N, C-alpha and C. Protein backbone atom coordinates (compact mmCIF):
# COMPACT_ATOMS: atom_id res chain seq x y z
N MET A 1 3.63 -67.01 177.94
CA MET A 1 4.29 -65.62 176.58
C MET A 1 5.27 -66.69 175.12
N HIS A 2 5.18 -66.64 174.12
CA HIS A 2 5.00 -67.70 173.26
C HIS A 2 5.71 -66.91 172.09
N PHE A 3 7.20 -67.25 171.95
CA PHE A 3 7.62 -66.36 171.26
C PHE A 3 7.74 -67.59 169.68
N ASP A 4 7.46 -66.78 168.40
CA ASP A 4 8.10 -67.84 167.31
C ASP A 4 9.50 -67.94 166.96
N PHE A 5 10.04 -69.49 166.84
CA PHE A 5 11.14 -69.47 166.39
C PHE A 5 11.44 -69.42 164.64
N ASP A 6 10.36 -69.42 164.50
CA ASP A 6 10.67 -69.67 162.76
C ASP A 6 10.59 -68.36 162.42
N ALA A 7 11.46 -68.41 161.21
CA ALA A 7 12.02 -67.09 160.81
C ALA A 7 11.85 -67.21 159.54
N GLY A 8 11.36 -68.32 158.49
CA GLY A 8 10.89 -68.66 157.41
C GLY A 8 11.98 -68.25 156.83
N LYS A 9 12.04 -68.02 155.54
CA LYS A 9 12.65 -67.68 154.14
C LYS A 9 13.68 -66.95 154.79
N TYR A 10 13.52 -66.24 155.72
CA TYR A 10 15.04 -65.59 156.27
C TYR A 10 15.84 -65.77 157.36
N ALA A 11 15.51 -67.10 157.58
CA ALA A 11 16.19 -67.37 158.24
C ALA A 11 17.95 -67.78 158.62
N VAL A 12 17.60 -67.48 157.39
CA VAL A 12 19.45 -67.76 156.79
C VAL A 12 20.31 -66.39 157.14
N TYR A 13 19.41 -65.42 157.43
CA TYR A 13 20.30 -63.88 157.65
C TYR A 13 19.65 -63.83 159.27
N VAL A 14 18.80 -64.51 160.08
CA VAL A 14 18.54 -63.90 161.05
C VAL A 14 19.11 -65.28 162.75
N TRP A 15 19.29 -66.37 162.05
CA TRP A 15 20.28 -67.00 162.88
C TRP A 15 21.86 -66.35 163.30
N PRO A 16 22.55 -66.86 162.01
CA PRO A 16 23.63 -65.99 162.15
C PRO A 16 23.54 -63.88 162.60
N ALA A 17 22.62 -63.27 162.17
CA ALA A 17 22.77 -62.22 163.35
C ALA A 17 22.93 -62.05 164.39
N PHE A 18 22.06 -63.40 165.12
CA PHE A 18 21.57 -63.60 166.21
C PHE A 18 22.75 -64.17 167.01
N ALA A 19 23.68 -64.73 166.14
CA ALA A 19 25.09 -65.02 167.11
C ALA A 19 25.75 -64.53 167.32
N LEU A 20 25.88 -63.93 165.39
CA LEU A 20 26.53 -63.38 166.41
C LEU A 20 27.02 -62.08 166.74
N THR A 21 25.16 -61.23 167.20
CA THR A 21 25.64 -60.58 168.66
C THR A 21 25.79 -61.26 169.70
N ALA A 22 25.34 -62.35 170.26
CA ALA A 22 25.48 -63.05 171.24
C ALA A 22 27.40 -63.13 171.18
N ALA A 23 27.82 -63.15 170.21
CA ALA A 23 29.28 -63.49 170.63
C ALA A 23 29.91 -62.36 170.45
N VAL A 24 29.32 -61.03 170.29
CA VAL A 24 29.96 -59.58 170.55
C VAL A 24 29.56 -59.80 171.79
N PHE A 25 28.51 -59.80 172.54
CA PHE A 25 28.04 -59.31 174.05
C PHE A 25 28.90 -60.07 174.75
N VAL A 26 29.30 -61.81 174.33
CA VAL A 26 29.97 -62.47 175.25
C VAL A 26 31.74 -61.79 175.48
N TRP A 27 31.97 -61.08 174.43
CA TRP A 27 33.75 -60.18 174.15
C TRP A 27 33.15 -59.55 174.81
N MET A 28 32.03 -58.42 174.60
CA MET A 28 32.27 -57.42 175.49
C MET A 28 32.65 -57.38 176.99
N ILE A 29 31.64 -58.70 177.59
CA ILE A 29 31.43 -58.65 178.89
C ILE A 29 33.20 -59.04 179.57
N THR A 30 34.13 -60.13 178.39
CA THR A 30 34.70 -60.75 179.13
C THR A 30 36.21 -59.81 178.87
N ASP A 31 35.78 -58.97 177.65
CA ASP A 31 37.10 -58.20 177.55
C ASP A 31 36.65 -56.89 178.41
N SER A 32 35.62 -56.39 179.45
CA SER A 32 35.35 -55.59 180.35
C SER A 32 35.41 -55.93 182.18
N LEU A 33 35.34 -57.45 182.01
CA LEU A 33 35.79 -58.30 182.90
C LEU A 33 36.78 -57.70 183.20
N ALA A 34 38.03 -58.12 182.92
CA ALA A 34 39.32 -58.36 182.14
C ALA A 34 40.16 -56.84 182.50
N SER A 35 39.73 -55.91 181.61
CA SER A 35 39.99 -54.76 181.85
C SER A 35 39.83 -54.11 183.08
N ALA A 36 38.99 -54.23 184.25
CA ALA A 36 38.57 -54.61 185.49
C ALA A 36 39.60 -54.52 186.56
N ARG A 37 39.56 -55.65 185.96
CA ARG A 37 40.74 -56.75 186.94
C ARG A 37 41.85 -56.12 186.94
N ARG A 38 42.72 -56.03 185.34
CA ARG A 38 43.86 -55.46 184.99
C ARG A 38 43.84 -54.13 186.22
N TRP A 39 42.79 -52.68 185.99
CA TRP A 39 42.66 -51.59 186.87
C TRP A 39 42.70 -51.78 188.49
N ARG A 40 42.15 -52.90 188.84
CA ARG A 40 42.29 -53.21 190.09
C ARG A 40 43.29 -53.61 191.21
N ARG A 41 44.12 -54.53 189.58
CA ARG A 41 45.85 -54.79 189.46
C ARG A 41 46.85 -53.87 190.07
N GLU A 42 46.03 -52.92 189.14
CA GLU A 42 47.82 -51.24 189.34
C GLU A 42 47.23 -50.58 190.02
N ALA A 43 46.00 -50.55 190.90
CA ALA A 43 45.12 -49.52 192.13
C ALA A 43 46.06 -50.13 193.79
N GLU A 44 45.97 -51.24 193.75
CA GLU A 44 46.28 -52.33 194.52
C GLU A 44 47.84 -52.22 194.36
N ARG A 45 48.23 -52.09 193.24
CA ARG A 45 49.98 -52.00 193.31
C ARG A 45 50.11 -50.65 193.46
N LEU A 46 49.47 -49.26 193.01
CA LEU A 46 50.30 -47.95 192.90
C LEU A 46 50.17 -47.95 194.79
N GLN A 47 48.61 -48.55 195.25
CA GLN A 47 48.32 -48.55 196.88
C GLN A 47 49.24 -48.94 197.76
N ALA A 48 49.41 -49.60 197.25
CA ALA A 48 50.90 -50.59 198.08
C ALA A 48 52.58 -49.96 198.14
N LEU A 49 52.88 -49.13 196.79
CA LEU A 49 53.86 -48.60 196.26
C LEU A 49 53.45 -46.89 196.77
N LYS A 50 52.52 -46.28 197.17
CA LYS A 50 52.22 -44.73 198.45
C LYS A 50 52.67 -45.71 199.68
N GLU A 51 52.20 -46.36 200.14
CA GLU A 51 52.35 -47.00 201.71
C GLU A 51 53.37 -47.26 202.04
N ALA A 52 54.06 -47.84 200.69
CA ALA A 52 55.50 -48.26 201.32
C ALA A 52 56.70 -47.35 201.20
N LYS A 53 56.07 -45.81 200.83
CA LYS A 53 56.82 -44.73 200.86
C LYS A 53 56.83 -44.19 201.73
N LYS A 54 55.64 -44.33 202.72
CA LYS A 54 55.34 -43.56 203.78
C LYS A 54 57.16 -43.96 205.35
């Protein structure tokens, strides 16, 4: 499979758009993982609190 990386006269627009898209994907993945970690910690804290009350 061959992919032509030459964007010609549109390279000024294409490559920054690819870079911005990659940066947004990285940000979304990082934010999602951090949010999942926070929710997991909160769920564990609430579960421990619930078990301590028994």
